[in-house]
Amino acid sequence: MKIINVVSLKNKKLINKKLYVAAKTIKKGGLVVIPTETVYGLAADCFNPDAVNKIFLVKNRPYSDPLIVHINSFNQLKDIVVDIPQDALKIISNFWPGPVSLVLYKKQVVPDIVTAGLNTVCVRMPEMEITRRFIKLCDTLLAAPSANVFSHISSTELEHVLKDFKDKKEVEYVIYTGRTKYGVESTVIDCTTKPFKVLRYGAVEIEKIKKICNIEIIEPKVVLKKKSPGLFKKHYSPKKTTYLTKDLLKFVKSLSKKELKNITFVCDNKTKNKLCKIVNNDFSIIPFGDTFEEIARNLYLCLHLAEEMNTKYIVIQSVKNIGLGKTIMDRLIKASGNKWV
């Protein structure tokens, strides 16, 4: 796996030259890790079933889990979907390019392996200009789930990608642009139902979409049909037993010194400061920020750090289930397998 580092490059021609090397890999049916504003993605030519199959093999991903197709222009959307409802056009005009994915009825040109055999396809136009530029250089559309082994923590940094894929010969290049902007995946909305439904909470709050677009979007407690990625009960998970808690301070006070040393705690800065005052001995604690935006951006980074600590368990403080907190709690519940202490 070769790393194409464009973090400090300013010259557009030089960047394009580097990107084109990776684009040739896509054109010949290979895999490339691409940057997006949400998390890093493992990309293949959407219209090449053999190339897409490599994604499932490398990630050990079940074929029942559909992929998101990444586009760089509105015309490309019209090439792969049957119809675009008026309310979907409102979302597109306000939130594309950006971290919102739409589920629409697909045209036959989209291979079944991309859509888990469904008659729908999940599509988004990335906010990052360099990602859209790469798609254009590939002269195709890109199927790209997160760049990690299935059910493991998503990748927001280069070391996260290397942790899972460094020995995967099928992955030929990583295009590295630095740490991702939002830190969590895109919001997914099912536009094939009336009213529209939330399939996955993500980087853009549902309340914001409803308000700006003046449309109705329902938030079902249970999604029966997996039209979108990220719907398995256990997902985004560290390779350690992970728990959630509503009252971290109370939980810590109930532990012995020996038990404390076996746990890495993840919480906001305010709680961290309180913990440091009540616990005198050494213990592992990772703060993930204070605001919802900070916590979302730092979430996977903190889970990766907690996974690497010399402790047996991870205990994470829950957040309020409102606004972007819905996205954070969705990820935490799946990361922990909904286990609480």
Protein backbone atom coordinates (compact mmCIF):
# COMPACT_ATOMS: atom_id res chain seq x y z
CA MET A 1 0.00 0.00 0.00
CA LYS A 2 1.41 3.36 -1.08
CA ILE A 3 0.53 6.65 0.59
CA ILE A 4 -0.22 9.69 -1.58
CA ASN A 5 0.20 12.57 0.87
CA VAL A 6 -1.36 15.79 -0.39
CA VAL A 7 -1.76 17.51 3.00
CA SER A 8 0.68 20.35 2.36
CA LEU A 9 0.37 20.58 -1.42
CA LYS A 10 -1.07 23.79 -2.88
CA ASN A 11 -0.32 23.36 -6.58
CA LYS A 12 -3.46 21.98 -8.26
CA LYS A 13 -1.55 20.47 -11.18
CA LEU A 14 0.82 18.62 -8.85
CA ILE A 15 -2.11 17.33 -6.78
CA ASN A 16 -3.90 16.15 -9.93
CA LYS A 17 -0.75 14.39 -11.08
CA LYS A 18 -0.60 12.45 -7.82
CA LEU A 19 -4.34 11.74 -7.85
CA TYR A 20 -4.21 10.45 -11.41
CA VAL A 21 -1.83 7.67 -10.36
CA ALA A 22 -4.49 6.39 -7.95
CA ALA A 23 -7.26 7.00 -10.50
CA LYS A 24 -5.54 4.57 -12.87
CA THR A 25 -5.82 1.92 -10.14
CA ILE A 26 -9.59 2.50 -9.96
CA LYS A 27 -9.87 2.28 -13.75
CA LYS A 28 -8.14 -1.10 -13.82
CA GLY A 29 -10.41 -2.50 -11.08
CA GLY A 30 -8.28 -1.84 -8.00
CA LEU A 31 -9.01 -0.35 -4.58
CA VAL A 32 -7.99 3.07 -3.24
CA VAL A 33 -8.59 4.60 0.18
CA ILE A 34 -10.02 8.07 -0.38
CA PRO A 35 -10.50 11.06 1.92
CA THR A 36 -13.93 12.52 2.58
CA GLU A 37 -15.16 15.12 5.03
CA THR A 38 -16.76 12.37 7.16
CA VAL A 39 -14.43 9.35 7.38
CA TYR A 40 -11.91 7.74 5.04
CA GLY A 41 -13.51 5.46 2.45
CA LEU A 42 -12.43 2.31 0.60
CA ALA A 43 -13.28 3.03 -3.04
CA ALA A 44 -13.82 0.98 -6.18
CA ASP A 45 -15.42 1.56 -9.59
CA CYS A 46 -19.15 1.41 -8.88
CA PHE A 47 -19.88 -0.18 -12.27
CA ASN A 48 -17.27 -2.95 -11.95
CA PRO A 49 -18.80 -5.81 -9.89
CA ASP A 50 -15.45 -7.61 -9.57
CA ALA A 51 -13.80 -4.47 -8.19
CA VAL A 52 -16.70 -3.87 -5.78
CA ASN A 53 -16.46 -7.49 -4.64
CA LYS A 54 -12.90 -6.78 -3.48
CA ILE A 55 -14.32 -4.21 -1.04
CA PHE A 56 -16.47 -6.87 0.61
CA LEU A 57 -13.56 -9.34 0.77
CA VAL A 58 -11.03 -6.84 2.18
CA LYS A 59 -13.47 -5.51 4.78
CA ASN A 60 -14.99 -8.93 5.53
CA ARG A 61 -18.29 -7.13 4.97
CA PRO A 62 -21.59 -9.01 4.57
CA TYR A 63 -23.11 -8.71 1.09
CA SER A 64 -26.41 -7.75 2.72
CA ASP A 65 -24.89 -4.37 3.65
CA PRO A 66 -25.30 -1.90 0.73
CA LEU A 67 -22.63 0.62 -0.24
CA ILE A 68 -22.85 4.37 -0.77
CA VAL A 69 -22.16 5.59 -4.30
CA HIS A 70 -20.11 8.80 -4.43
CA ILE A 71 -20.66 11.24 -7.30
CA ASN A 72 -19.14 14.56 -8.35
CA SER A 73 -22.01 16.11 -10.31
CA PHE A 74 -25.81 16.26 -10.34
CA ASN A 75 -25.87 14.76 -13.86
CA GLN A 76 -24.22 11.63 -12.49
CA LEU A 77 -27.11 11.26 -10.06
CA LYS A 78 -29.60 11.32 -12.94
CA ASP A 79 -27.56 8.58 -14.63
CA ILE A 80 -28.16 6.08 -11.81
CA VAL A 81 -31.58 6.87 -10.28
CA VAL A 82 -35.07 6.53 -11.74
CA ASP A 83 -36.73 9.52 -10.15
CA ILE A 84 -35.82 12.39 -7.82
CA PRO A 85 -38.74 13.55 -5.65
CA GLN A 86 -39.24 17.29 -5.20
CA ASP A 87 -38.36 17.15 -1.50
CA ALA A 88 -35.15 15.27 -2.34
CA LEU A 89 -34.24 18.11 -4.70
CA LYS A 90 -34.69 20.52 -1.78
CA ILE A 91 -32.19 18.51 0.28
CA ILE A 92 -29.77 18.37 -2.64
CA SER A 93 -29.94 22.13 -3.27
CA ASN A 94 -29.29 22.91 0.40
CA PHE A 95 -26.91 20.15 1.53
CA TRP A 96 -24.96 18.95 -1.51
CA PRO A 97 -22.04 18.78 -1.78
CA GLY A 98 -22.02 17.58 1.81
CA PRO A 99 -22.39 14.76 4.33
CA VAL A 100 -25.98 13.78 3.48
CA SER A 101 -26.74 10.55 1.59
CA LEU A 102 -30.05 9.90 -0.15
CA VAL A 103 -31.68 6.55 -0.87
CA LEU A 104 -33.49 6.62 -4.23
CA TYR A 105 -34.82 4.07 -6.70
CA LYS A 106 -31.96 2.87 -8.88
CA LYS A 107 -31.56 2.31 -12.59
CA GLN A 108 -30.49 -1.14 -13.80
CA VAL A 109 -27.02 0.20 -14.62
CA VAL A 110 -26.12 0.02 -10.90
CA PRO A 111 -24.84 -3.52 -10.11
CA ASP A 112 -26.78 -5.51 -7.52
CA ILE A 113 -23.61 -6.08 -5.47
CA VAL A 114 -23.53 -2.33 -4.73
CA THR A 115 -27.13 -2.24 -3.47
CA ALA A 116 -27.37 -5.62 -1.69
CA GLY A 117 -29.79 -6.70 -4.41
CA LEU A 118 -32.28 -3.95 -3.53
CA ASN A 119 -34.06 -1.75 -6.07
CA THR A 120 -32.66 1.33 -4.32
CA VAL A 121 -29.24 2.97 -4.23
CA CYS A 122 -27.67 5.20 -1.58
CA VAL A 123 -25.91 8.23 -3.09
CA ARG A 124 -24.02 11.29 -1.95
CA MET A 125 -21.86 14.09 -3.33
CA PRO A 126 -18.87 14.66 -1.00
CA GLU A 127 -18.17 18.13 0.35
CA MET A 128 -14.40 17.79 -0.13
CA GLU A 129 -13.34 19.31 -3.43
CA ILE A 130 -10.36 16.97 -3.70
CA THR A 131 -12.66 13.94 -3.39
CA ARG A 132 -14.92 15.19 -6.18
CA ARG A 133 -11.85 15.95 -8.26
CA PHE A 134 -10.61 12.40 -7.78
CA ILE A 135 -14.00 10.97 -8.82
CA LYS A 136 -13.80 13.08 -11.98
CA LEU A 137 -10.28 11.81 -12.74
CA CYS A 138 -11.52 8.22 -12.33
CA ASP A 139 -14.13 8.89 -15.04
CA THR A 140 -16.65 6.76 -13.15
CA LEU A 141 -18.63 6.74 -9.91
CA LEU A 142 -17.14 5.33 -6.72
CA ALA A 143 -18.69 2.80 -4.37
CA ALA A 144 -17.04 3.53 -1.03
CA PRO A 145 -17.84 2.33 2.49
CA SER A 146 -15.65 3.35 5.43
CA ALA A 147 -12.00 2.27 5.24
CA ASN A 148 -11.91 -0.26 8.07
CA VAL A 149 -12.59 -3.92 8.69
CA PHE A 150 -16.34 -4.49 9.04
CA SER A 151 -17.75 -3.60 12.49
CA HIS A 152 -14.43 -2.07 13.62
CA ILE A 153 -14.02 1.64 14.40
CA SER A 154 -14.19 3.90 11.33
CA SER A 155 -11.02 5.68 10.17
CA THR A 156 -10.55 9.42 10.54
CA GLU A 157 -6.74 9.40 10.39
CA LEU A 158 -4.03 7.64 8.38
CA GLU A 159 -2.94 5.41 11.27
CA HIS A 160 -6.51 4.12 11.59
CA VAL A 161 -6.48 3.02 7.95
CA LEU A 162 -3.08 1.38 8.33
CA LYS A 163 -4.20 -0.44 11.48
CA ASP A 164 -6.77 -2.41 9.48
CA PHE A 165 -5.37 -2.44 5.94
CA LYS A 166 -1.55 -2.34 6.08
CA ASP A 167 -1.32 -6.03 5.12
CA LYS A 168 -4.11 -5.93 2.52
CA LYS A 169 -2.39 -6.15 -0.87
CA GLU A 170 -5.66 -5.42 -2.66
CA VAL A 171 -5.56 -1.85 -1.30
CA GLU A 172 -3.02 -0.15 -3.55
CA TYR A 173 -3.14 3.50 -2.47
CA VAL A 174 -4.23 5.78 0.37
CA ILE A 175 -4.88 9.40 -0.56
CA TYR A 176 -4.09 11.26 2.66
CA THR A 177 -5.41 14.78 3.31
CA GLY A 178 -5.15 14.88 7.10
CA ARG A 179 -7.75 14.27 9.77
CA THR A 180 -11.37 14.31 8.61
CA LYS A 181 -13.57 17.37 9.21
CA TYR A 182 -16.72 15.89 10.78
CA GLY A 183 -15.42 12.61 12.21
CA VAL A 184 -18.67 10.67 11.72
CA GLU A 185 -20.41 9.27 8.67
CA SER A 186 -23.04 11.00 6.53
CA THR A 187 -26.68 11.31 7.50
CA VAL A 188 -28.78 8.89 5.41
CA ILE A 189 -32.37 9.67 4.38
CA ASP A 190 -34.73 7.26 2.63
CA CYS A 191 -36.42 9.27 -0.13
CA THR A 192 -38.48 6.32 -1.42
CA THR A 193 -41.10 6.62 1.34
CA LYS A 194 -43.72 9.26 2.13
CA PRO A 195 -42.79 10.97 4.34
CA PHE A 196 -39.02 10.48 4.09
CA LYS A 197 -37.32 8.41 6.81
CA VAL A 198 -34.03 8.71 8.65
CA LEU A 199 -32.01 5.53 8.08
CA ARG A 200 -28.79 6.65 9.78
CA TYR A 201 -28.02 9.65 11.95
CA GLY A 202 -24.90 11.42 10.77
CA ALA A 203 -22.87 14.59 10.45
CA VAL A 204 -25.89 16.79 9.64
CA GLU A 205 -28.68 17.06 12.21
CA ILE A 206 -32.10 15.88 11.01
CA GLU A 207 -33.71 18.91 12.67
CA LYS A 208 -31.54 21.20 10.54
CA ILE A 209 -32.54 19.42 7.32
CA LYS A 210 -36.24 19.54 8.20
CA LYS A 211 -36.10 23.23 9.11
CA ILE A 212 -34.08 24.49 6.15
CA CYS A 213 -35.92 22.37 3.56
CA ASN A 214 -39.33 22.72 5.23
CA ILE A 215 -40.07 19.01 4.77
CA GLU A 216 -41.28 16.17 6.97
CA ILE A 217 -38.78 13.44 7.88
CA ILE A 218 -39.77 10.76 10.35
CA GLU A 219 -37.35 9.06 12.74
CA PRO A 220 -38.40 5.41 13.12
CA LYS A 221 -37.13 3.52 16.17
CA VAL A 222 -36.65 0.36 14.11
CA VAL A 223 -35.53 0.13 10.46
CA LEU A 224 -36.78 -3.16 9.04
CA LYS A 225 -35.04 -3.06 5.65
CA LYS A 226 -31.30 -2.36 5.43
CA LYS A 227 -31.31 0.17 2.57
CA SER A 228 -28.29 1.92 4.05
CA PRO A 229 -24.97 1.04 5.67
CA GLY A 230 -24.53 1.37 9.43
CA LEU A 231 -27.72 -0.46 10.43
CA PHE A 232 -26.24 -3.54 12.11
CA LYS A 233 -26.69 -3.64 15.90
CA LYS A 234 -22.94 -3.91 16.57
CA HIS A 235 -20.80 -1.52 14.57
CA TYR A 236 -17.97 1.02 14.94
CA SER A 237 -16.63 -1.22 17.72
CA PRO A 238 -13.27 -1.29 19.54
CA LYS A 239 -11.57 -4.66 20.00
CA LYS A 240 -12.22 -4.44 23.73
CA THR A 241 -15.32 -4.92 25.83
CA THR A 242 -16.98 -1.51 25.83
CA TYR A 243 -19.72 -0.13 28.07
CA LEU A 244 -21.77 3.05 28.32
CA THR A 245 -22.75 4.82 31.51
CA LYS A 246 -25.14 7.69 32.26
CA ASP A 247 -23.30 8.76 35.42
CA LEU A 248 -19.56 8.24 35.06
CA LEU A 249 -18.68 9.94 38.36
CA LYS A 250 -21.02 7.68 40.32
CA PHE A 251 -19.69 4.60 38.52
CA VAL A 252 -16.05 5.52 39.20
CA LYS A 253 -16.76 6.05 42.91
CA SER A 254 -18.05 2.47 43.11
CA LEU A 255 -14.79 0.96 41.80
CA SER A 256 -11.77 -0.36 43.66
CA LYS A 257 -8.25 0.84 42.80
CA LYS A 258 -7.58 -2.45 41.04
CA GLU A 259 -10.74 -2.14 38.94
CA LEU A 260 -9.91 1.46 38.04
CA LYS A 261 -6.59 0.44 36.50
CA ASN A 262 -8.36 -2.03 34.21
CA ILE A 263 -10.58 0.58 32.55
CA THR A 264 -10.06 3.38 30.05
CA PHE A 265 -12.67 6.10 30.50
CA VAL A 266 -13.92 8.35 27.69
CA CYS A 267 -15.88 11.47 28.62
CA ASP A 268 -16.22 15.22 28.16
CA ASN A 269 -13.62 17.66 29.52
CA LYS A 270 -15.81 18.84 32.40
CA THR A 271 -16.33 15.29 33.67
CA LYS A 272 -12.63 14.54 33.22
CA ASN A 273 -11.69 17.46 35.46
CA LYS A 274 -14.13 16.28 38.15
CA LEU A 275 -12.78 12.73 37.94
CA CYS A 276 -9.22 13.91 38.39
CA LYS A 277 -10.26 15.61 41.64
CA ILE A 278 -11.97 12.58 43.18
CA VAL A 279 -9.54 9.87 42.00
CA ASN A 280 -6.00 10.17 43.31
CA ASN A 281 -4.38 7.06 41.83
CA ASP A 282 -3.35 6.51 38.23
CA PHE A 283 -6.11 5.74 35.76
CA SER A 284 -6.68 6.07 32.00
CA ILE A 285 -8.98 8.80 30.76
CA ILE A 286 -9.49 10.25 27.28
CA PRO A 287 -11.51 13.46 26.87
CA PHE A 288 -13.54 13.73 23.66
CA GLY A 289 -14.46 17.42 23.92
CA ASP A 290 -17.38 19.44 25.24
CA THR A 291 -19.70 20.44 22.38
CA PHE A 292 -21.54 17.90 20.24
CA GLU A 293 -19.45 19.01 17.24
CA GLU A 294 -16.19 18.40 19.14
CA ILE A 295 -17.36 15.04 20.46
CA ALA A 296 -18.50 13.87 17.02
CA ARG A 297 -15.21 14.88 15.40
CA ASN A 298 -13.12 13.27 18.15
CA LEU A 299 -15.28 10.19 18.74
CA TYR A 300 -13.57 7.60 16.54
CA LEU A 301 -10.14 9.05 17.32
CA CYS A 302 -10.83 8.55 21.04
CA LEU A 303 -12.16 5.02 20.50
CA HIS A 304 -9.00 4.12 18.60
CA LEU A 305 -6.85 5.57 21.41
CA ALA A 306 -8.88 3.74 24.06
CA GLU A 307 -8.48 0.49 22.13
CA GLU A 308 -4.70 0.87 22.26
CA MET A 309 -4.47 1.58 25.99
CA ASN A 310 -3.12 -1.11 28.29
CA THR A 311 -6.50 -1.77 29.91
CA LYS A 312 -9.12 -4.49 29.61
CA TYR A 313 -12.31 -2.42 29.33
CA ILE A 314 -13.60 0.87 27.93
CA VAL A 315 -16.34 2.83 29.69
CA ILE A 316 -17.85 5.82 27.87
CA GLN A 317 -20.02 8.59 29.23
CA SER A 318 -23.30 8.94 27.30
CA VAL A 319 -24.51 12.30 25.94
CA LYS A 320 -27.94 13.89 25.60
CA ASN A 321 -29.94 12.28 22.79
CA ILE A 322 -30.82 15.53 21.02
CA GLY A 323 -29.53 17.20 17.85
CA LEU A 324 -26.10 15.89 16.90
CA GLY A 325 -26.21 13.94 20.16
CA LYS A 326 -28.50 11.47 18.35
CA THR A 327 -25.64 10.68 15.98
CA ILE A 328 -23.14 10.34 18.81
CA MET A 329 -25.44 8.05 20.80
CA ASP A 330 -26.19 5.94 17.72
CA ARG A 331 -22.44 5.32 17.31
CA LEU A 332 -21.84 4.71 21.02
CA ILE A 333 -24.73 2.28 21.40
CA LYS A 334 -23.47 0.27 18.42
CA ALA A 335 -19.82 0.49 19.51
CA SER A 336 -20.74 -0.92 22.93
CA GLY A 337 -23.33 -3.40 21.71
CA ASN A 338 -25.76 -1.40 23.91
CA LYS A 339 -24.07 -2.60 27.13
CA TRP A 340 -24.49 -0.29 30.14
CA VAL A 341 -23.00 -0.04 33.62
